[in-house]
Amino acid sequence: EGIASETPCSKNRLEKTSPSVAKGKMKKIYQKLYFQVVVGISLGVAIGFFHPDFGVQFKPLGDAFITLIKMMIAPVIFVTVVIGIAKMGNMREVGRVGVKALIYFEVVSTLALVVGLIVVNLYRPGAGINADVSSLDPSSVSAYANGAKAAGAVDFLLGIIPNSIVDAFAKGEVLPVLLFSILFGLALAHLGDKGKRLVGILDEFAHGLFGVVGIIMKLAPVGAFGAMAFTIGKYGIDTMLPLGKLMFSVYTTCLFFVFIVLGLIAKASGFSLWKFLKY
């Protein structure tokens, strides 16, 4: 004991083997969000499997979590874009970067769509799902289907312009919010020093918004539990295989896109993607 108290190395070894230290590490694992989500999914699957009728009743939990996430999209886009443009200051620089960003967005988004289409046709994650298509409610996707049919090039461009600022945020439509955010950011950048105070307020507001996002993400285990309890309760345990294929497809697509597509873009831009990700 005397030697251990005098020798830092010995003390470290004792701490590593101490039951209290090991217990503390286990507590840290329980506090991790990903672990809590896995537990929520597991409990949802169990309840949906053993008590299907009871599991279906938890659907509102999953819906509520998704709605909470959607609630934050418009304000986060607004403050992020406005602050980014306003802090650049130089209008010519804003225009130059904006054009490059638009071209980059279009090209890389097209590559992302191509990669997604290739992966989904290779793995076909929806094939064999234990669900009767005729029993599904078509009204849940009718708005998207009708919108896609009606939207021509002119309709699409006009649809970006909101009827009012409040209307854009109330409906949570991304493009109208983005348009107003760009215009507002340009206006603040044009004001120069006069607009710095408002930019500072929006910056603080952004920190508050991301704090809200952090709070909402703590509810992810509850949302995952509700979604899985409903899915397994309504469509059966056989649904796990297509869901597993779907998640495998998602991770395959993400890894390929990040390390191949973005990796090549990073290399062409003169920096290491791996070093950037580590940073």
C-alpha atoms as a PDB file:
ATOM      1  CA  GLU A   1       0.000   0.000   0.000  1.00  0.00           C
ATOM      2  CA  GLY A   2       2.863   2.355   0.794  1.00  0.00           C
ATOM      3  CA  ILE A   3       4.547   1.728  -2.554  1.00  0.00           C
ATOM      4  CA  ALA A   4       1.248   2.111  -4.422  1.00  0.00           C
ATOM      5  CA  SER A   5       0.571   5.434  -2.737  1.00  0.00           C
ATOM      6  CA  GLU A   6       4.009   6.728  -3.707  1.00  0.00           C
ATOM      7  CA  THR A   7       4.163   5.371  -7.283  1.00  0.00           C
ATOM      8  CA  PRO A   8       1.867   6.960  -9.897  1.00  0.00           C
ATOM      9  CA  CYS A   9       2.111   3.938 -12.230  1.00  0.00           C
ATOM     10  CA  SER A  10       1.096   1.555  -9.450  1.00  0.00           C
ATOM     11  CA  LYS A  11      -1.763   3.834  -8.492  1.00  0.00           C
ATOM     12  CA  ASN A  12      -3.000   3.899 -12.088  1.00  0.00           C
ATOM     13  CA  ARG A  13      -2.942   0.097 -12.250  1.00  0.00           C
ATOM     14  CA  LEU A  14      -4.959  -0.136  -9.043  1.00  0.00           C
ATOM     15  CA  GLU A  15      -7.499   2.363 -10.388  1.00  0.00           C
ATOM     16  CA  LYS A  16      -7.906   0.382 -13.593  1.00  0.00           C
ATOM     17  CA  THR A  17      -8.757  -2.773 -11.664  1.00  0.00           C
ATOM     18  CA  SER A  18     -10.902  -1.032  -9.038  1.00  0.00           C
ATOM     19  CA  PRO A  19     -14.553  -2.212  -9.049  1.00  0.00           C
ATOM     20  CA  SER A  20     -15.774   1.357  -8.482  1.00  0.00           C
ATOM     21  CA  VAL A  21     -13.856   2.566 -11.556  1.00  0.00           C
ATOM     22  CA  ALA A  22     -15.250  -0.286 -13.666  1.00  0.00           C
ATOM     23  CA  LYS A  23     -18.749   0.505 -12.416  1.00  0.00           C
ATOM     24  CA  GLY A  24     -18.248   4.154 -13.373  1.00  0.00           C
ATOM     25  CA  LYS A  25     -17.282   3.128 -16.899  1.00  0.00           C
ATOM     26  CA  MET A  26     -20.409   0.963 -17.165  1.00  0.00           C
ATOM     27  CA  LYS A  27     -22.527   3.934 -16.104  1.00  0.00           C
ATOM     28  CA  LYS A  28     -20.977   5.965 -18.895  1.00  0.00           C
ATOM     29  CA  ILE A  29     -22.049   3.321 -21.409  1.00  0.00           C
ATOM     30  CA  TYR A  30     -25.630   3.521 -20.168  1.00  0.00           C
ATOM     31  CA  GLN A  31     -25.522   7.265 -20.623  1.00  0.00           C
ATOM     32  CA  LYS A  32     -24.571   7.010 -24.308  1.00  0.00           C
ATOM     33  CA  LEU A  33     -27.412   7.904 -26.654  1.00  0.00           C
ATOM     34  CA  TYR A  34     -26.643   5.102 -29.119  1.00  0.00           C
ATOM     35  CA  PHE A  35     -26.873   2.515 -26.320  1.00  0.00           C
ATOM     36  CA  GLN A  36     -30.200   3.953 -25.156  1.00  0.00           C
ATOM     37  CA  VAL A  37     -31.511   3.844 -28.736  1.00  0.00           C
ATOM     38  CA  VAL A  38     -30.500   0.169 -29.070  1.00  0.00           C
ATOM     39  CA  VAL A  39     -32.305  -0.587 -25.802  1.00  0.00           C
ATOM     40  CA  GLY A  40     -35.388   1.299 -27.033  1.00  0.00           C
ATOM     41  CA  ILE A  41     -35.383  -0.632 -30.317  1.00  0.00           C
ATOM     42  CA  SER A  42     -34.959  -3.967 -28.499  1.00  0.00           C
ATOM     43  CA  LEU A  43     -37.827  -3.236 -26.101  1.00  0.00           C
ATOM     44  CA  GLY A  44     -40.006  -2.100 -29.011  1.00  0.00           C
ATOM     45  CA  VAL A  45     -39.321  -5.308 -30.940  1.00  0.00           C
ATOM     46  CA  ALA A  46     -40.071  -7.436 -27.852  1.00  0.00           C
ATOM     47  CA  ILE A  47     -43.388  -5.717 -27.105  1.00  0.00           C
ATOM     48  CA  GLY A  48     -44.423  -5.722 -30.759  1.00  0.00           C
ATOM     49  CA  PHE A  49     -43.659  -9.450 -31.012  1.00  0.00           C
ATOM     50  CA  PHE A  50     -45.218 -10.696 -27.773  1.00  0.00           C
ATOM     51  CA  HIS A  51     -48.092  -8.176 -27.570  1.00  0.00           C
ATOM     52  CA  PRO A  52     -48.842  -6.989 -31.140  1.00  0.00           C
ATOM     53  CA  ASP A  53     -52.092  -5.162 -30.345  1.00  0.00           C
ATOM     54  CA  PHE A  54     -50.440  -3.371 -27.437  1.00  0.00           C
ATOM     55  CA  GLY A  55     -47.354  -2.521 -29.527  1.00  0.00           C
ATOM     56  CA  VAL A  56     -49.404  -0.855 -32.269  1.00  0.00           C
ATOM     57  CA  GLN A  57     -50.664   1.672 -29.714  1.00  0.00           C
ATOM     58  CA  PHE A  58     -47.142   3.114 -29.298  1.00  0.00           C
ATOM     59  CA  LYS A  59     -47.127   4.574 -32.825  1.00  0.00           C
ATOM     60  CA  PRO A  60     -47.724   8.158 -31.540  1.00  0.00           C
ATOM     61  CA  LEU A  61     -44.343   8.057 -29.764  1.00  0.00           C
ATOM     62  CA  GLY A  62     -42.487   7.562 -33.037  1.00  0.00           C
ATOM     63  CA  ASP A  63     -44.663  10.109 -34.842  1.00  0.00           C
ATOM     64  CA  ALA A  64     -44.137  12.675 -32.076  1.00  0.00           C
ATOM     65  CA  PHE A  65     -40.349  12.339 -32.244  1.00  0.00           C
ATOM     66  CA  ILE A  66     -40.309  12.800 -36.027  1.00  0.00           C
ATOM     67  CA  THR A  67     -42.594  15.842 -35.702  1.00  0.00           C
ATOM     68  CA  LEU A  68     -40.291  17.368 -33.089  1.00  0.00           C
ATOM     69  CA  ILE A  69     -37.330  16.978 -35.459  1.00  0.00           C
ATOM     70  CA  LYS A  70     -39.288  18.519 -38.354  1.00  0.00           C
ATOM     71  CA  MET A  71     -40.254  21.409 -36.073  1.00  0.00           C
ATOM     72  CA  MET A  72     -36.606  22.458 -35.830  1.00  0.00           C
ATOM     73  CA  ILE A  73     -35.633  22.244 -39.510  1.00  0.00           C
ATOM     74  CA  ALA A  74     -36.936  25.649 -40.680  1.00  0.00           C
ATOM     75  CA  PRO A  75     -35.523  27.795 -37.835  1.00  0.00           C
ATOM     76  CA  VAL A  76     -32.149  26.007 -37.937  1.00  0.00           C
ATOM     77  CA  ILE A  77     -31.864  26.580 -41.701  1.00  0.00           C
ATOM     78  CA  PHE A  78     -32.831  30.224 -41.247  1.00  0.00           C
ATOM     79  CA  VAL A  79     -30.253  31.139 -38.596  1.00  0.00           C
ATOM     80  CA  THR A  80     -27.482  29.043 -40.184  1.00  0.00           C
ATOM     81  CA  VAL A  81     -27.850  30.568 -43.651  1.00  0.00           C
ATOM     82  CA  VAL A  82     -28.440  34.140 -42.432  1.00  0.00           C
ATOM     83  CA  ILE A  83     -25.430  34.103 -40.088  1.00  0.00           C
ATOM     84  CA  GLY A  84     -23.205  32.465 -42.712  1.00  0.00           C
ATOM     85  CA  ILE A  85     -24.009  35.061 -45.372  1.00  0.00           C
ATOM     86  CA  ALA A  86     -24.102  38.080 -43.067  1.00  0.00           C
ATOM     87  CA  LYS A  87     -20.717  37.321 -41.502  1.00  0.00           C
ATOM     88  CA  MET A  88     -19.011  37.159 -44.901  1.00  0.00           C
ATOM     89  CA  GLY A  89     -19.619  40.900 -45.287  1.00  0.00           C
ATOM     90  CA  ASN A  90     -18.190  41.277 -48.792  1.00  0.00           C
ATOM     91  CA  MET A  91     -21.130  41.054 -51.229  1.00  0.00           C
ATOM     92  CA  ARG A  92     -18.892  40.095 -54.143  1.00  0.00           C
ATOM     93  CA  GLU A  93     -17.443  37.253 -52.064  1.00  0.00           C
ATOM     94  CA  VAL A  94     -20.944  36.140 -51.117  1.00  0.00           C
ATOM     95  CA  GLY A  95     -21.927  35.983 -54.780  1.00  0.00           C
ATOM     96  CA  ARG A  96     -18.775  34.124 -55.818  1.00  0.00           C
ATOM     97  CA  VAL A  97     -19.088  31.526 -53.070  1.00  0.00           C
ATOM     98  CA  GLY A  98     -22.845  31.277 -53.604  1.00  0.00           C
ATOM     99  CA  VAL A  99     -22.504  30.384 -57.291  1.00  0.00           C
ATOM    100  CA  LYS A 100     -19.817  27.803 -56.544  1.00  0.00           C
ATOM    101  CA  ALA A 101     -21.930  26.342 -53.721  1.00  0.00           C
ATOM    102  CA  LEU A 102     -24.976  26.084 -55.996  1.00  0.00           C
ATOM    103  CA  ILE A 103     -23.032  24.267 -58.736  1.00  0.00           C
ATOM    104  CA  TYR A 104     -21.374  21.997 -56.157  1.00  0.00           C
ATOM    105  CA  PHE A 105     -24.738  21.229 -54.545  1.00  0.00           C
ATOM    106  CA  GLU A 106     -26.356  20.284 -57.863  1.00  0.00           C
ATOM    107  CA  VAL A 107     -23.464  18.082 -59.048  1.00  0.00           C
ATOM    108  CA  VAL A 108     -22.894  16.263 -55.765  1.00  0.00           C
ATOM    109  CA  SER A 109     -26.641  15.828 -55.153  1.00  0.00           C
ATOM    110  CA  THR A 110     -26.907  14.174 -58.573  1.00  0.00           C
ATOM    111  CA  LEU A 111     -24.029  11.836 -57.662  1.00  0.00           C
ATOM    112  CA  ALA A 112     -25.767  11.048 -54.363  1.00  0.00           C
ATOM    113  CA  LEU A 113     -28.979  10.155 -56.213  1.00  0.00           C
ATOM    114  CA  VAL A 114     -27.067   7.910 -58.627  1.00  0.00           C
ATOM    115  CA  VAL A 115     -25.296   6.096 -55.782  1.00  0.00           C
ATOM    116  CA  GLY A 116     -28.601   5.683 -53.918  1.00  0.00           C
ATOM    117  CA  LEU A 117     -30.355   4.273 -56.985  1.00  0.00           C
ATOM    118  CA  ILE A 118     -27.538   1.785 -57.630  1.00  0.00           C
ATOM    119  CA  VAL A 119     -27.529   0.541 -54.030  1.00  0.00           C
ATOM    120  CA  VAL A 120     -31.316   0.237 -53.741  1.00  0.00           C
ATOM    121  CA  ASN A 121     -31.487  -1.747 -56.999  1.00  0.00           C
ATOM    122  CA  LEU A 122     -28.689  -4.060 -55.854  1.00  0.00           C
ATOM    123  CA  TYR A 123     -30.045  -4.811 -52.361  1.00  0.00           C
ATOM    124  CA  ARG A 124     -33.795  -4.211 -52.940  1.00  0.00           C
ATOM    125  CA  PRO A 125     -34.485  -3.647 -49.215  1.00  0.00           C
ATOM    126  CA  GLY A 126     -38.261  -3.389 -49.686  1.00  0.00           C
ATOM    127  CA  ALA A 127     -38.574  -6.794 -51.372  1.00  0.00           C
ATOM    128  CA  GLY A 128     -40.301  -9.375 -49.183  1.00  0.00           C
ATOM    129  CA  ILE A 129     -41.528  -6.947 -46.536  1.00  0.00           C
ATOM    130  CA  ASN A 130     -44.394  -8.417 -44.565  1.00  0.00           C
ATOM    131  CA  ALA A 131     -46.991  -5.781 -45.458  1.00  0.00           C
ATOM    132  CA  ASP A 132     -50.117  -5.867 -47.598  1.00  0.00           C
ATOM    133  CA  VAL A 133     -49.841  -2.881 -49.937  1.00  0.00           C
ATOM    134  CA  SER A 134     -53.618  -2.810 -50.474  1.00  0.00           C
ATOM    135  CA  SER A 135     -54.140  -2.273 -46.733  1.00  0.00           C
ATOM    136  CA  LEU A 136     -51.897   0.796 -46.558  1.00  0.00           C
ATOM    137  CA  ASP A 137     -53.383   4.292 -46.335  1.00  0.00           C
ATOM    138  CA  PRO A 138     -52.635   6.094 -49.643  1.00  0.00           C
ATOM    139  CA  SER A 139     -53.653   9.468 -48.194  1.00  0.00           C
ATOM    140  CA  SER A 140     -50.425   9.609 -46.158  1.00  0.00           C
ATOM    141  CA  VAL A 141     -48.376  10.063 -49.336  1.00  0.00           C
ATOM    142  CA  SER A 142     -50.992  11.640 -51.603  1.00  0.00           C
ATOM    143  CA  ALA A 143     -49.691  15.161 -51.001  1.00  0.00           C
ATOM    144  CA  TYR A 144     -46.206  14.167 -52.202  1.00  0.00           C
ATOM    145  CA  ALA A 145     -47.533  12.229 -55.211  1.00  0.00           C
ATOM    146  CA  ASN A 146     -49.886  15.004 -56.330  1.00  0.00           C
ATOM    147  CA  GLY A 147     -47.201  17.629 -55.812  1.00  0.00           C
ATOM    148  CA  ALA A 148     -44.739  15.694 -57.947  1.00  0.00           C
ATOM    149  CA  LYS A 149     -47.253  15.368 -60.779  1.00  0.00           C
ATOM    150  CA  ALA A 150     -48.245  19.041 -60.762  1.00  0.00           C
ATOM    151  CA  ALA A 151     -44.803  20.618 -60.411  1.00  0.00           C
ATOM    152  CA  GLY A 152     -43.340  21.781 -63.701  1.00  0.00           C
ATOM    153  CA  ALA A 153     -40.280  23.998 -63.948  1.00  0.00           C
ATOM    154  CA  VAL A 154     -42.275  27.245 -63.680  1.00  0.00           C
ATOM    155  CA  ASP A 155     -44.503  25.899 -60.891  1.00  0.00           C
ATOM    156  CA  PHE A 156     -41.437  24.729 -59.010  1.00  0.00           C
ATOM    157  CA  LEU A 157     -39.729  28.134 -59.203  1.00  0.00           C
ATOM    158  CA  LEU A 158     -42.904  29.991 -58.230  1.00  0.00           C
ATOM    159  CA  GLY A 159     -43.446  27.547 -55.392  1.00  0.00           C
ATOM    160  CA  ILE A 160     -40.141  28.635 -53.852  1.00  0.00           C
ATOM    161  CA  ILE A 161     -41.613  32.094 -53.225  1.00  0.00           C
ATOM    162  CA  PRO A 162     -43.799  31.965 -50.084  1.00  0.00           C
ATOM    163  CA  ASN A 163     -47.088  33.840 -49.796  1.00  0.00           C
ATOM    164  CA  SER A 164     -45.704  35.370 -46.621  1.00  0.00           C
ATOM    165  CA  ILE A 165     -42.730  34.938 -44.305  1.00  0.00           C
ATOM    166  CA  VAL A 166     -44.952  33.416 -41.634  1.00  0.00           C
ATOM    167  CA  ASP A 167     -46.455  31.009 -44.176  1.00  0.00           C
ATOM    168  CA  ALA A 168     -43.007  29.638 -45.084  1.00  0.00           C
ATOM    169  CA  PHE A 169     -42.136  28.884 -41.468  1.00  0.00           C
ATOM    170  CA  ALA A 170     -45.629  27.657 -40.565  1.00  0.00           C
ATOM    171  CA  LYS A 171     -45.653  25.050 -43.336  1.00  0.00           C
ATOM    172  CA  GLY A 172     -42.022  24.103 -42.710  1.00  0.00           C
ATOM    173  CA  GLU A 173     -41.211  24.078 -46.428  1.00  0.00           C
ATOM    174  CA  VAL A 174     -37.445  24.152 -46.848  1.00  0.00           C
ATOM    175  CA  LEU A 175     -37.013  26.027 -50.140  1.00  0.00           C
ATOM    176  CA  PRO A 176     -39.218  29.053 -49.269  1.00  0.00           C
ATOM    177  CA  VAL A 177     -37.452  29.311 -45.905  1.00  0.00           C
ATOM    178  CA  LEU A 178     -34.105  29.054 -47.679  1.00  0.00           C
ATOM    179  CA  LEU A 179     -35.041  31.816 -50.141  1.00  0.00           C
ATOM    180  CA  PHE A 180     -36.064  34.203 -47.379  1.00  0.00           C
ATOM    181  CA  SER A 181     -32.948  33.284 -45.368  1.00  0.00           C
ATOM    182  CA  ILE A 182     -30.675  34.128 -48.309  1.00  0.00           C
ATOM    183  CA  LEU A 183     -32.407  37.455 -48.925  1.00  0.00           C
ATOM    184  CA  PHE A 184     -32.315  38.352 -45.235  1.00  0.00           C
ATOM    185  CA  GLY A 185     -28.650  37.379 -44.980  1.00  0.00           C
ATOM    186  CA  LEU A 186     -27.796  39.515 -48.009  1.00  0.00           C
ATOM    187  CA  ALA A 187     -29.690  42.452 -46.505  1.00  0.00           C
ATOM    188  CA  LEU A 188     -27.751  42.169 -43.222  1.00  0.00           C
ATOM    189  CA  ALA A 189     -24.455  41.858 -45.094  1.00  0.00           C
ATOM    190  CA  HIS A 190     -25.323  44.997 -47.061  1.00  0.00           C
ATOM    191  CA  LEU A 191     -26.007  46.903 -43.815  1.00  0.00           C
ATOM    192  CA  GLY A 192     -22.431  46.324 -42.657  1.00  0.00           C
ATOM    193  CA  ASP A 193     -21.782  47.528 -39.107  1.00  0.00           C
ATOM    194  CA  LYS A 194     -25.436  48.442 -38.603  1.00  0.00           C
ATOM    195  CA  GLY A 195     -26.438  44.806 -38.971  1.00  0.00           C
ATOM    196  CA  LYS A 196     -23.761  43.339 -36.679  1.00  0.00           C
ATOM    197  CA  ARG A 197     -25.902  43.670 -33.562  1.00  0.00           C
ATOM    198  CA  LEU A 198     -28.745  41.681 -35.106  1.00  0.00           C
ATOM    199  CA  VAL A 199     -26.289  39.087 -36.438  1.00  0.00           C
ATOM    200  CA  GLY A 200     -24.936  38.693 -32.911  1.00  0.00           C
ATOM    201  CA  ILE A 201     -28.463  38.167 -31.553  1.00  0.00           C
ATOM    202  CA  LEU A 202     -29.175  35.578 -34.247  1.00  0.00           C
ATOM    203  CA  ASP A 203     -25.889  33.851 -33.409  1.00  0.00           C
ATOM    204  CA  GLU A 204     -26.970  33.507 -29.768  1.00  0.00           C
ATOM    205  CA  PHE A 205     -30.407  32.383 -30.953  1.00  0.00           C
ATOM    206  CA  ALA A 206     -28.721  29.684 -33.040  1.00  0.00           C
ATOM    207  CA  HIS A 207     -26.958  28.332 -29.955  1.00  0.00           C
ATOM    208  CA  GLY A 208     -30.340  28.139 -28.247  1.00  0.00           C
ATOM    209  CA  LEU A 209     -31.853  26.280 -31.207  1.00  0.00           C
ATOM    210  CA  PHE A 210     -29.073  23.701 -31.240  1.00  0.00           C
ATOM    211  CA  GLY A 211     -29.606  23.328 -27.501  1.00  0.00           C
ATOM    212  CA  VAL A 212     -33.253  22.468 -28.222  1.00  0.00           C
ATOM    213  CA  VAL A 213     -32.118  19.944 -30.838  1.00  0.00           C
ATOM    214  CA  GLY A 214     -29.886  18.363 -28.193  1.00  0.00           C
ATOM    215  CA  ILE A 215     -32.846  18.068 -25.820  1.00  0.00           C
ATOM    216  CA  ILE A 216     -35.037  16.520 -28.535  1.00  0.00           C
ATOM    217  CA  MET A 217     -32.333  13.978 -29.405  1.00  0.00           C
ATOM    218  CA  LYS A 218     -32.477  12.693 -25.832  1.00  0.00           C
ATOM    219  CA  LEU A 219     -35.964  11.471 -26.732  1.00  0.00           C
ATOM    220  CA  ALA A 220     -34.594   9.364 -29.626  1.00  0.00           C
ATOM    221  CA  PRO A 221     -34.778   6.110 -27.577  1.00  0.00           C
ATOM    222  CA  VAL A 222     -38.472   6.766 -26.876  1.00  0.00           C
ATOM    223  CA  GLY A 223     -39.154   7.501 -30.545  1.00  0.00           C
ATOM    224  CA  ALA A 224     -37.261   4.380 -31.651  1.00  0.00           C
ATOM    225  CA  PHE A 225     -39.169   2.296 -29.110  1.00  0.00           C
ATOM    226  CA  GLY A 226     -42.553   3.540 -30.327  1.00  0.00           C
ATOM    227  CA  ALA A 227     -41.693   3.122 -34.006  1.00  0.00           C
ATOM    228  CA  MET A 228     -40.388  -0.435 -33.601  1.00  0.00           C
ATOM    229  CA  ALA A 229     -43.249  -1.527 -31.312  1.00  0.00           C
ATOM    230  CA  PHE A 230     -45.748  -0.324 -33.929  1.00  0.00           C
ATOM    231  CA  THR A 231     -43.888  -1.792 -36.905  1.00  0.00           C
ATOM    232  CA  ILE A 232     -43.377  -5.251 -35.401  1.00  0.00           C
ATOM    233  CA  GLY A 233     -46.852  -5.283 -33.834  1.00  0.00           C
ATOM    234  CA  LYS A 234     -48.566  -4.400 -37.115  1.00  0.00           C
ATOM    235  CA  TYR A 235     -46.419  -6.201 -39.693  1.00  0.00           C
ATOM    236  CA  GLY A 236     -44.803  -8.993 -37.683  1.00  0.00           C
ATOM    237  CA  ILE A 237     -41.272 -10.050 -36.777  1.00  0.00           C
ATOM    238  CA  ASP A 238     -40.565 -11.002 -40.403  1.00  0.00           C
ATOM    239  CA  THR A 239     -40.315  -7.273 -41.089  1.00  0.00           C
ATOM    240  CA  MET A 240     -36.964  -7.247 -39.258  1.00  0.00           C
ATOM    241  CA  LEU A 241     -35.148  -8.755 -42.246  1.00  0.00           C
ATOM    242  CA  PRO A 242     -36.198  -6.062 -44.766  1.00  0.00           C
ATOM    243  CA  LEU A 243     -35.539  -3.395 -42.118  1.00  0.00           C
ATOM    244  CA  GLY A 244     -32.072  -4.874 -41.574  1.00  0.00           C
ATOM    245  CA  LYS A 245     -31.472  -4.805 -45.332  1.00  0.00           C
ATOM    246  CA  LEU A 246     -32.635  -1.198 -45.406  1.00  0.00           C
ATOM    247  CA  MET A 247     -30.215  -0.165 -42.645  1.00  0.00           C
ATOM    248  CA  PHE A 248     -27.394  -2.086 -44.330  1.00  0.00           C
ATOM    249  CA  SER A 249     -28.201  -0.272 -47.586  1.00  0.00           C
ATOM    250  CA  VAL A 250     -28.190   3.103 -45.794  1.00  0.00           C
ATOM    251  CA  TYR A 251     -24.799   2.523 -44.168  1.00  0.00           C
ATOM    252  CA  THR A 252     -23.333   1.082 -47.374  1.00  0.00           C
ATOM    253  CA  THR A 253     -24.479   4.146 -49.315  1.00  0.00           C
ATOM    254  CA  CYS A 254     -23.201   6.582 -46.674  1.00  0.00           C
ATOM    255  CA  LEU A 255     -19.787   4.927 -46.393  1.00  0.00           C
ATOM    256  CA  PHE A 256     -19.352   4.765 -50.172  1.00  0.00           C
ATOM    257  CA  PHE A 257     -20.454   8.374 -50.615  1.00  0.00           C
ATOM    258  CA  VAL A 258     -18.271   9.742 -47.813  1.00  0.00           C
ATOM    259  CA  PHE A 259     -15.061   7.831 -48.499  1.00  0.00           C
ATOM    260  CA  ILE A 260     -15.232   7.531 -52.292  1.00  0.00           C
ATOM    261  CA  VAL A 261     -17.205  10.517 -53.620  1.00  0.00           C
ATOM    262  CA  LEU A 262     -16.282  13.067 -50.947  1.00  0.00           C
ATOM    263  CA  GLY A 263     -12.832  11.501 -50.664  1.00  0.00           C
ATOM    264  CA  LEU A 264     -12.117  12.222 -54.322  1.00  0.00           C
ATOM    265  CA  ILE A 265     -13.547  15.747 -53.983  1.00  0.00           C
ATOM    266  CA  ALA A 266     -11.354  16.389 -50.944  1.00  0.00           C
ATOM    267  CA  LYS A 267      -8.280  15.056 -52.752  1.00  0.00           C
ATOM    268  CA  ALA A 268      -9.004  17.292 -55.743  1.00  0.00           C
ATOM    269  CA  SER A 269      -9.339  20.227 -53.311  1.00  0.00           C
ATOM    270  CA  GLY A 270      -5.937  19.507 -51.815  1.00  0.00           C
ATOM    271  CA  PHE A 271      -6.699  18.120 -48.362  1.00  0.00           C
ATOM    272  CA  SER A 272      -7.115  14.735 -46.691  1.00  0.00           C
ATOM    273  CA  LEU A 273     -10.703  13.728 -45.912  1.00  0.00           C
ATOM    274  CA  TRP A 274      -9.514  11.258 -43.283  1.00  0.00           C
ATOM    275  CA  LYS A 275      -7.533  13.930 -41.408  1.00  0.00           C
ATOM    276  CA  PHE A 276     -10.536  16.248 -41.611  1.00  0.00           C
ATOM    277  CA  LEU A 277     -12.885  13.602 -40.188  1.00  0.00           C
ATOM    278  CA  LYS A 278     -10.440  12.826 -37.374  1.00  0.00           C
ATOM    279  CA  TYR A 279     -10.236  16.544 -36.580  1.00  0.00           C
END
